[in-house]
């Protein structure tokens, strides 16, 4: 039987539950959204970006505010406030529906200094700031490591990357086994949805686990020496933000 195809699953999330796909709280499901919840959703992105930039500049010093990239931008939760802080902002997302919603949000906010693309290869420039949060956990590890390498190659001199990495999801052994089986046998996802009282046809949202030593070796092997690790406070998982500066 066919296993889960993450790109196809992510597009289905983008079509049906774009905001829930970014922040997996039931209040952000399409059927529950209203103006107040949408404003709350967007404020969370602005607050997150402020915290990340403040942390980076407190450690590495000022970051040039010319070009920034948000990888896995979704509907623009972080990308839109990024346009307020950088002259040019680029959002990358594999889902056509997610990018379309991000463009609608940008248009509604009157933002023109923004470019949306499906792949990193479609972005023309190197960047002063590269950001990604709650994205790599949904990407199979081997592919994710390749993408991390590709992103770091696009840092401009003096640029900083902030990459959020999932190390271990806190689950019981039987839930961990169930996740593995759902990746490999897609129909089992229907059963899991019914058990968890979700729509029967809701696609899987993979939660992949990366090895920190492999990520560090990858980065150091590319010649980067300014590397900072910041553990993230999440009761459901052990996660870390990896900050990398290009000399």
C-alpha atoms as a PDB file:
ATOM      1  CA  UNK A   1       0.000   0.000   0.000  1.00  0.00           C
ATOM      2  CA  UNK A   2       1.103   3.552  -0.661  1.00  0.00           C
ATOM      3  CA  UNK A   3       2.642   5.537   2.161  1.00  0.00           C
ATOM      4  CA  UNK A   4       2.125   9.172   3.023  1.00  0.00           C
ATOM      5  CA  UNK A   5       3.347  11.688   0.424  1.00  0.00           C
ATOM      6  CA  UNK A   6       4.203  14.815   2.457  1.00  0.00           C
ATOM      7  CA  UNK A   7       4.006  17.308  -0.418  1.00  0.00           C
ATOM      8  CA  UNK A   8       0.576  16.072  -1.457  1.00  0.00           C
ATOM      9  CA  UNK A   9      -0.622  15.979   2.154  1.00  0.00           C
ATOM     10  CA  UNK A  10       0.570  19.526   2.730  1.00  0.00           C
ATOM     11  CA  UNK A  11      -1.320  20.774  -0.314  1.00  0.00           C
ATOM     12  CA  UNK A  12      -4.472  19.110   1.020  1.00  0.00           C
ATOM     13  CA  UNK A  13      -3.957  20.882   4.348  1.00  0.00           C
ATOM     14  CA  UNK A  14      -3.541  24.129   2.433  1.00  0.00           C
ATOM     15  CA  UNK A  15      -6.817  23.650   0.570  1.00  0.00           C
ATOM     16  CA  UNK A  16      -8.953  22.592   3.525  1.00  0.00           C
ATOM     17  CA  UNK A  17      -7.313  23.786   6.766  1.00  0.00           C
ATOM     18  CA  UNK A  18      -4.617  26.309   5.897  1.00  0.00           C
ATOM     19  CA  UNK A  19      -4.441  28.057   9.276  1.00  0.00           C
ATOM     20  CA  UNK A  20      -4.785  24.878  11.328  1.00  0.00           C
ATOM     21  CA  UNK A  21      -1.985  23.428   9.204  1.00  0.00           C
ATOM     22  CA  UNK A  22       0.298  26.189  10.495  1.00  0.00           C
ATOM     23  CA  UNK A  23      -0.837  26.275  14.141  1.00  0.00           C
ATOM     24  CA  UNK A  24      -2.542  23.001  15.040  1.00  0.00           C
ATOM     25  CA  UNK A  25      -5.107  24.321  17.482  1.00  0.00           C
ATOM     26  CA  UNK A  26      -8.755  23.541  16.802  1.00  0.00           C
ATOM     27  CA  UNK A  27      -9.671  27.195  17.156  1.00  0.00           C
ATOM     28  CA  UNK A  28      -7.773  27.845  13.924  1.00  0.00           C
ATOM     29  CA  UNK A  29      -9.739  25.289  11.918  1.00  0.00           C
ATOM     30  CA  UNK A  30     -11.461  26.854   8.922  1.00  0.00           C
ATOM     31  CA  UNK A  31     -14.950  26.363  10.355  1.00  0.00           C
ATOM     32  CA  UNK A  32     -14.023  28.239  13.562  1.00  0.00           C
ATOM     33  CA  UNK A  33     -12.161  31.215  12.107  1.00  0.00           C
ATOM     34  CA  UNK A  34     -13.382  34.770  12.569  1.00  0.00           C
ATOM     35  CA  UNK A  35     -11.730  38.181  12.403  1.00  0.00           C
ATOM     36  CA  UNK A  36     -10.604  38.088  16.029  1.00  0.00           C
ATOM     37  CA  UNK A  37      -8.979  34.664  15.668  1.00  0.00           C
ATOM     38  CA  UNK A  38      -7.283  35.661  12.421  1.00  0.00           C
ATOM     39  CA  UNK A  39      -5.860  38.744  14.139  1.00  0.00           C
ATOM     40  CA  UNK A  40      -4.638  36.565  17.034  1.00  0.00           C
ATOM     41  CA  UNK A  41      -3.035  34.169  14.563  1.00  0.00           C
ATOM     42  CA  UNK A  42      -1.141  36.951  12.810  1.00  0.00           C
ATOM     43  CA  UNK A  43      -0.076  38.617  16.063  1.00  0.00           C
ATOM     44  CA  UNK A  44       1.538  35.359  17.118  1.00  0.00           C
ATOM     45  CA  UNK A  45       3.784  35.528  14.060  1.00  0.00           C
ATOM     46  CA  UNK A  46       4.764  39.122  14.709  1.00  0.00           C
ATOM     47  CA  UNK A  47       5.602  38.376  18.341  1.00  0.00           C
ATOM     48  CA  UNK A  48       7.632  35.331  17.373  1.00  0.00           C
ATOM     49  CA  UNK A  49       9.672  37.280  14.814  1.00  0.00           C
ATOM     50  CA  UNK A  50      10.376  40.053  17.325  1.00  0.00           C
ATOM     51  CA  UNK A  51      11.679  37.492  19.831  1.00  0.00           C
ATOM     52  CA  UNK A  52      13.873  35.716  17.281  1.00  0.00           C
ATOM     53  CA  UNK A  53      15.445  38.902  15.904  1.00  0.00           C
ATOM     54  CA  UNK A  54      15.997  40.295  19.388  1.00  0.00           C
ATOM     55  CA  UNK A  55      17.746  37.089  20.447  1.00  0.00           C
ATOM     56  CA  UNK A  56      19.893  36.981  17.307  1.00  0.00           C
ATOM     57  CA  UNK A  57      20.984  40.598  17.503  1.00  0.00           C
ATOM     58  CA  UNK A  58      21.687  40.296  21.200  1.00  0.00           C
ATOM     59  CA  UNK A  59      24.168  37.523  20.425  1.00  0.00           C
ATOM     60  CA  UNK A  60      25.483  38.134  16.899  1.00  0.00           C
ATOM     61  CA  UNK A  61      24.954  41.883  16.633  1.00  0.00           C
ATOM     62  CA  UNK A  62      22.822  43.791  14.107  1.00  0.00           C
ATOM     63  CA  UNK A  63      21.441  41.916  11.106  1.00  0.00           C
ATOM     64  CA  UNK A  64      21.279  43.739   7.769  1.00  0.00           C
ATOM     65  CA  UNK A  65      17.662  44.514   6.902  1.00  0.00           C
ATOM     66  CA  UNK A  66      17.805  44.133   3.130  1.00  0.00           C
ATOM     67  CA  UNK A  67      16.600  40.634   2.132  1.00  0.00           C
ATOM     68  CA  UNK A  68      14.889  37.972   4.267  1.00  0.00           C
ATOM     69  CA  UNK A  69      13.515  34.499   3.557  1.00  0.00           C
ATOM     70  CA  UNK A  70      10.831  32.539   5.410  1.00  0.00           C
ATOM     71  CA  UNK A  71      11.056  28.854   4.466  1.00  0.00           C
ATOM     72  CA  UNK A  72       7.736  27.059   4.876  1.00  0.00           C
ATOM     73  CA  UNK A  73       5.910  30.380   5.042  1.00  0.00           C
ATOM     74  CA  UNK A  74       2.401  28.885   5.012  1.00  0.00           C
ATOM     75  CA  UNK A  75      -0.253  31.596   4.967  1.00  0.00           C
ATOM     76  CA  UNK A  76       2.238  34.321   5.916  1.00  0.00           C
ATOM     77  CA  UNK A  77       2.106  34.245   9.730  1.00  0.00           C
ATOM     78  CA  UNK A  78       5.798  35.236  10.008  1.00  0.00           C
ATOM     79  CA  UNK A  79       6.351  36.375   6.432  1.00  0.00           C
ATOM     80  CA  UNK A  80       3.953  39.317   6.629  1.00  0.00           C
ATOM     81  CA  UNK A  81       5.529  40.933   9.712  1.00  0.00           C
ATOM     82  CA  UNK A  82       8.905  40.193   8.123  1.00  0.00           C
ATOM     83  CA  UNK A  83       8.010  42.649   5.358  1.00  0.00           C
ATOM     84  CA  UNK A  84       7.780  45.387   7.993  1.00  0.00           C
ATOM     85  CA  UNK A  85      11.393  44.798   9.053  1.00  0.00           C
ATOM     86  CA  UNK A  86      13.187  43.998   5.788  1.00  0.00           C
ATOM     87  CA  UNK A  87      13.257  45.819   2.469  1.00  0.00           C
ATOM     88  CA  UNK A  88      12.478  42.634   0.532  1.00  0.00           C
ATOM     89  CA  UNK A  89      10.952  39.391   1.831  1.00  0.00           C
ATOM     90  CA  UNK A  90      10.596  36.016   0.140  1.00  0.00           C
ATOM     91  CA  UNK A  91       8.303  33.192   1.232  1.00  0.00           C
ATOM     92  CA  UNK A  92       8.846  29.582   0.167  1.00  0.00           C
ATOM     93  CA  UNK A  93       6.125  26.960   0.531  1.00  0.00           C
ATOM     94  CA  UNK A  94       5.509  23.681  -1.272  1.00  0.00           C
ATOM     95  CA  UNK A  95       1.724  24.159  -1.139  1.00  0.00           C
ATOM     96  CA  UNK A  96       0.162  26.222  -3.923  1.00  0.00           C
ATOM     97  CA  UNK A  97      -2.899  26.809  -1.727  1.00  0.00           C
ATOM     98  CA  UNK A  98      -0.819  28.041   1.195  1.00  0.00           C
ATOM     99  CA  UNK A  99       1.050  30.482  -1.046  1.00  0.00           C
ATOM    100  CA  UNK A 100      -2.195  31.711  -2.559  1.00  0.00           C
ATOM    101  CA  UNK A 101      -3.574  32.436   0.909  1.00  0.00           C
ATOM    102  CA  UNK A 102      -0.338  34.174   1.881  1.00  0.00           C
ATOM    103  CA  UNK A 103      -0.650  36.357  -1.225  1.00  0.00           C
ATOM    104  CA  UNK A 104      -4.257  37.220  -0.344  1.00  0.00           C
ATOM    105  CA  UNK A 105      -3.164  38.188   3.157  1.00  0.00           C
ATOM    106  CA  UNK A 106      -0.314  40.307   1.787  1.00  0.00           C
ATOM    107  CA  UNK A 107      -2.626  42.029  -0.688  1.00  0.00           C
ATOM    108  CA  UNK A 108      -5.158  42.680   2.066  1.00  0.00           C
ATOM    109  CA  UNK A 109      -2.456  44.317   4.163  1.00  0.00           C
ATOM    110  CA  UNK A 110      -1.214  46.390   1.221  1.00  0.00           C
ATOM    111  CA  UNK A 111       2.224  44.753   1.216  1.00  0.00           C
ATOM    112  CA  UNK A 112       4.139  44.823  -2.051  1.00  0.00           C
ATOM    113  CA  UNK A 113       7.718  44.021  -1.019  1.00  0.00           C
ATOM    114  CA  UNK A 114       7.095  40.297  -1.019  1.00  0.00           C
ATOM    115  CA  UNK A 115       7.841  37.378  -3.362  1.00  0.00           C
ATOM    116  CA  UNK A 116       6.325  33.897  -3.052  1.00  0.00           C
ATOM    117  CA  UNK A 117       7.883  30.790  -4.572  1.00  0.00           C
ATOM    118  CA  UNK A 118       7.428  27.025  -4.437  1.00  0.00           C
ATOM    119  CA  UNK A 119      11.088  26.030  -4.175  1.00  0.00           C
ATOM    120  CA  UNK A 120      14.286  27.529  -2.858  1.00  0.00           C
ATOM    121  CA  UNK A 121      15.741  27.200  -6.356  1.00  0.00           C
ATOM    122  CA  UNK A 122      13.152  29.733  -7.555  1.00  0.00           C
ATOM    123  CA  UNK A 123      14.508  32.445  -5.243  1.00  0.00           C
ATOM    124  CA  UNK A 124      16.946  34.743  -7.029  1.00  0.00           C
ATOM    125  CA  UNK A 125      18.973  36.196  -4.194  1.00  0.00           C
ATOM    126  CA  UNK A 126      21.102  35.464  -1.164  1.00  0.00           C
ATOM    127  CA  UNK A 127      19.624  36.591   2.134  1.00  0.00           C
ATOM    128  CA  UNK A 128      20.612  38.539   5.246  1.00  0.00           C
ATOM    129  CA  UNK A 129      18.122  36.548   7.332  1.00  0.00           C
ATOM    130  CA  UNK A 130      16.740  33.048   6.742  1.00  0.00           C
ATOM    131  CA  UNK A 131      14.008  31.759   9.040  1.00  0.00           C
ATOM    132  CA  UNK A 132      12.002  28.562   9.397  1.00  0.00           C
ATOM    133  CA  UNK A 133       9.771  27.474  12.279  1.00  0.00           C
ATOM    134  CA  UNK A 134       7.644  24.319  12.721  1.00  0.00           C
ATOM    135  CA  UNK A 135       8.484  23.191   9.193  1.00  0.00           C
ATOM    136  CA  UNK A 136      11.320  20.665   9.169  1.00  0.00           C
ATOM    137  CA  UNK A 137       9.414  18.392  11.524  1.00  0.00           C
ATOM    138  CA  UNK A 138       6.985  17.784   8.658  1.00  0.00           C
ATOM    139  CA  UNK A 139       9.781  16.960   6.174  1.00  0.00           C
ATOM    140  CA  UNK A 140      11.449  13.513   6.036  1.00  0.00           C
ATOM    141  CA  UNK A 141      14.907  13.756   7.584  1.00  0.00           C
ATOM    142  CA  UNK A 142      17.115  13.006   4.569  1.00  0.00           C
ATOM    143  CA  UNK A 143      15.294  15.584   2.481  1.00  0.00           C
ATOM    144  CA  UNK A 144      15.268  18.055   5.350  1.00  0.00           C
ATOM    145  CA  UNK A 145      19.029  17.834   5.757  1.00  0.00           C
ATOM    146  CA  UNK A 146      19.478  18.580   2.066  1.00  0.00           C
ATOM    147  CA  UNK A 147      17.213  21.618   2.393  1.00  0.00           C
ATOM    148  CA  UNK A 148      19.118  22.890   5.444  1.00  0.00           C
ATOM    149  CA  UNK A 149      22.331  22.690   3.447  1.00  0.00           C
ATOM    150  CA  UNK A 150      20.697  24.533   0.550  1.00  0.00           C
ATOM    151  CA  UNK A 151      19.381  27.280   2.808  1.00  0.00           C
ATOM    152  CA  UNK A 152      22.733  27.898   4.449  1.00  0.00           C
ATOM    153  CA  UNK A 153      24.356  28.224   1.028  1.00  0.00           C
ATOM    154  CA  UNK A 154      22.021  31.163   0.399  1.00  0.00           C
ATOM    155  CA  UNK A 155      23.196  33.230   3.362  1.00  0.00           C
ATOM    156  CA  UNK A 156      24.786  36.534   2.406  1.00  0.00           C
ATOM    157  CA  UNK A 157      28.020  37.541   4.190  1.00  0.00           C
ATOM    158  CA  UNK A 158      27.106  38.496   7.741  1.00  0.00           C
ATOM    159  CA  UNK A 159      23.711  36.843   7.324  1.00  0.00           C
ATOM    160  CA  UNK A 160      22.027  34.739  10.009  1.00  0.00           C
ATOM    161  CA  UNK A 161      19.792  31.671   9.720  1.00  0.00           C
ATOM    162  CA  UNK A 162      17.273  30.660  12.400  1.00  0.00           C
ATOM    163  CA  UNK A 163      16.105  27.081  11.852  1.00  0.00           C
ATOM    164  CA  UNK A 164      13.664  25.303  14.158  1.00  0.00           C
ATOM    165  CA  UNK A 165      14.368  21.561  14.497  1.00  0.00           C
ATOM    166  CA  UNK A 166      12.349  18.801  16.169  1.00  0.00           C
ATOM    167  CA  UNK A 167      14.582  16.345  18.045  1.00  0.00           C
ATOM    168  CA  UNK A 168      12.110  14.036  19.761  1.00  0.00           C
ATOM    169  CA  UNK A 169       8.338  14.027  20.049  1.00  0.00           C
ATOM    170  CA  UNK A 170       7.118  12.971  23.491  1.00  0.00           C
ATOM    171  CA  UNK A 171       4.779  10.069  22.738  1.00  0.00           C
ATOM    172  CA  UNK A 172       3.983   6.682  24.170  1.00  0.00           C
ATOM    173  CA  UNK A 173       5.552   3.747  22.358  1.00  0.00           C
ATOM    174  CA  UNK A 174       2.264   2.729  20.772  1.00  0.00           C
ATOM    175  CA  UNK A 175       1.649   6.238  19.397  1.00  0.00           C
ATOM    176  CA  UNK A 176       5.166   6.287  17.999  1.00  0.00           C
ATOM    177  CA  UNK A 177       4.534   2.921  16.337  1.00  0.00           C
ATOM    178  CA  UNK A 178       1.222   4.179  15.013  1.00  0.00           C
ATOM    179  CA  UNK A 179       2.919   7.203  13.449  1.00  0.00           C
ATOM    180  CA  UNK A 180       5.463   5.001  11.691  1.00  0.00           C
ATOM    181  CA  UNK A 181       2.733   2.720  10.344  1.00  0.00           C
ATOM    182  CA  UNK A 182       0.613   5.663   9.162  1.00  0.00           C
ATOM    183  CA  UNK A 183       3.590   6.988   7.180  1.00  0.00           C
ATOM    184  CA  UNK A 184       3.977   3.638   5.452  1.00  0.00           C
ATOM    185  CA  UNK A 185       0.336   2.578   5.073  1.00  0.00           C
ATOM    186  CA  UNK A 186      -1.869   5.555   4.248  1.00  0.00           C
ATOM    187  CA  UNK A 187      -5.272   3.887   4.924  1.00  0.00           C
ATOM    188  CA  UNK A 188      -4.293   3.573   8.583  1.00  0.00           C
ATOM    189  CA  UNK A 189      -4.503   7.354   8.760  1.00  0.00           C
ATOM    190  CA  UNK A 190      -8.266   7.105   8.211  1.00  0.00           C
ATOM    191  CA  UNK A 191      -8.552   4.834  11.243  1.00  0.00           C
ATOM    192  CA  UNK A 192      -6.408   7.190  13.317  1.00  0.00           C
ATOM    193  CA  UNK A 193      -8.603  10.139  12.312  1.00  0.00           C
ATOM    194  CA  UNK A 194     -11.757   8.315  13.383  1.00  0.00           C
ATOM    195  CA  UNK A 195     -10.233   7.301  16.713  1.00  0.00           C
ATOM    196  CA  UNK A 196      -9.129  10.903  17.367  1.00  0.00           C
ATOM    197  CA  UNK A 197     -12.464  12.360  16.166  1.00  0.00           C
ATOM    198  CA  UNK A 198     -10.943  14.221  13.267  1.00  0.00           C
ATOM    199  CA  UNK A 199     -12.397  14.348   9.732  1.00  0.00           C
ATOM    200  CA  UNK A 200     -11.864  10.893   8.257  1.00  0.00           C
ATOM    201  CA  UNK A 201     -10.016  12.234   5.205  1.00  0.00           C
ATOM    202  CA  UNK A 202      -7.714  14.689   6.994  1.00  0.00           C
ATOM    203  CA  UNK A 203      -4.186  14.083   5.667  1.00  0.00           C
ATOM    204  CA  UNK A 204      -1.357  13.041   7.919  1.00  0.00           C
ATOM    205  CA  UNK A 205       0.895  15.698   9.415  1.00  0.00           C
ATOM    206  CA  UNK A 206       4.242  13.984   9.828  1.00  0.00           C
ATOM    207  CA  UNK A 207       6.334  14.689  12.933  1.00  0.00           C
ATOM    208  CA  UNK A 208       9.871  13.712  12.009  1.00  0.00           C
ATOM    209  CA  UNK A 209      12.780  13.649  14.452  1.00  0.00           C
ATOM    210  CA  UNK A 210      16.255  14.920  13.596  1.00  0.00           C
ATOM    211  CA  UNK A 211      19.559  14.053  15.272  1.00  0.00           C
ATOM    212  CA  UNK A 212      21.236  17.145  16.664  1.00  0.00           C
ATOM    213  CA  UNK A 213      24.757  15.805  16.203  1.00  0.00           C
ATOM    214  CA  UNK A 214      24.087  15.193  12.493  1.00  0.00           C
ATOM    215  CA  UNK A 215      22.720  18.723  12.062  1.00  0.00           C
ATOM    216  CA  UNK A 216      25.741  20.192  13.853  1.00  0.00           C
ATOM    217  CA  UNK A 217      28.164  18.130  11.768  1.00  0.00           C
ATOM    218  CA  UNK A 218      26.397  19.209   8.577  1.00  0.00           C
ATOM    219  CA  UNK A 219      26.666  22.885   9.496  1.00  0.00           C
ATOM    220  CA  UNK A 220      30.231  22.713  10.751  1.00  0.00           C
ATOM    221  CA  UNK A 221      31.208  20.699   7.677  1.00  0.00           C
ATOM    222  CA  UNK A 222      30.086  23.622   5.520  1.00  0.00           C
ATOM    223  CA  UNK A 223      32.650  25.834   7.246  1.00  0.00           C
ATOM    224  CA  UNK A 224      30.351  27.696   9.632  1.00  0.00           C
ATOM    225  CA  UNK A 225      31.905  28.488  12.993  1.00  0.00           C
ATOM    226  CA  UNK A 226      29.302  30.828  14.530  1.00  0.00           C
ATOM    227  CA  UNK A 227      26.625  28.357  15.663  1.00  0.00           C
ATOM    228  CA  UNK A 228      24.228  28.836  18.568  1.00  0.00           C
ATOM    229  CA  UNK A 229      21.668  26.350  19.883  1.00  0.00           C
ATOM    230  CA  UNK A 230      18.619  27.473  21.852  1.00  0.00           C
ATOM    231  CA  UNK A 231      16.299  24.804  23.337  1.00  0.00           C
ATOM    232  CA  UNK A 232      12.602  25.505  22.827  1.00  0.00           C
ATOM    233  CA  UNK A 233      10.051  25.238  25.614  1.00  0.00           C
ATOM    234  CA  UNK A 234       7.473  22.722  24.371  1.00  0.00           C
ATOM    235  CA  UNK A 235       5.906  20.095  26.656  1.00  0.00           C
ATOM    236  CA  UNK A 236       5.076  17.856  23.688  1.00  0.00           C
ATOM    237  CA  UNK A 237       8.539  17.645  22.159  1.00  0.00           C
ATOM    238  CA  UNK A 238      12.251  18.318  22.574  1.00  0.00           C
ATOM    239  CA  UNK A 239      13.061  20.989  20.024  1.00  0.00           C
ATOM    240  CA  UNK A 240      15.805  23.489  19.325  1.00  0.00           C
ATOM    241  CA  UNK A 241      16.398  26.640  17.326  1.00  0.00           C
ATOM    242  CA  UNK A 242      19.699  26.478  15.475  1.00  0.00           C
ATOM    243  CA  UNK A 243      21.203  29.898  14.754  1.00  0.00           C
ATOM    244  CA  UNK A 244      24.007  30.126  12.212  1.00  0.00           C
ATOM    245  CA  UNK A 245      25.950  33.226  11.153  1.00  0.00           C
ATOM    246  CA  UNK A 246      27.993  33.483   7.971  1.00  0.00           C
ATOM    247  CA  UNK A 247      31.320  35.269   8.508  1.00  0.00           C
END
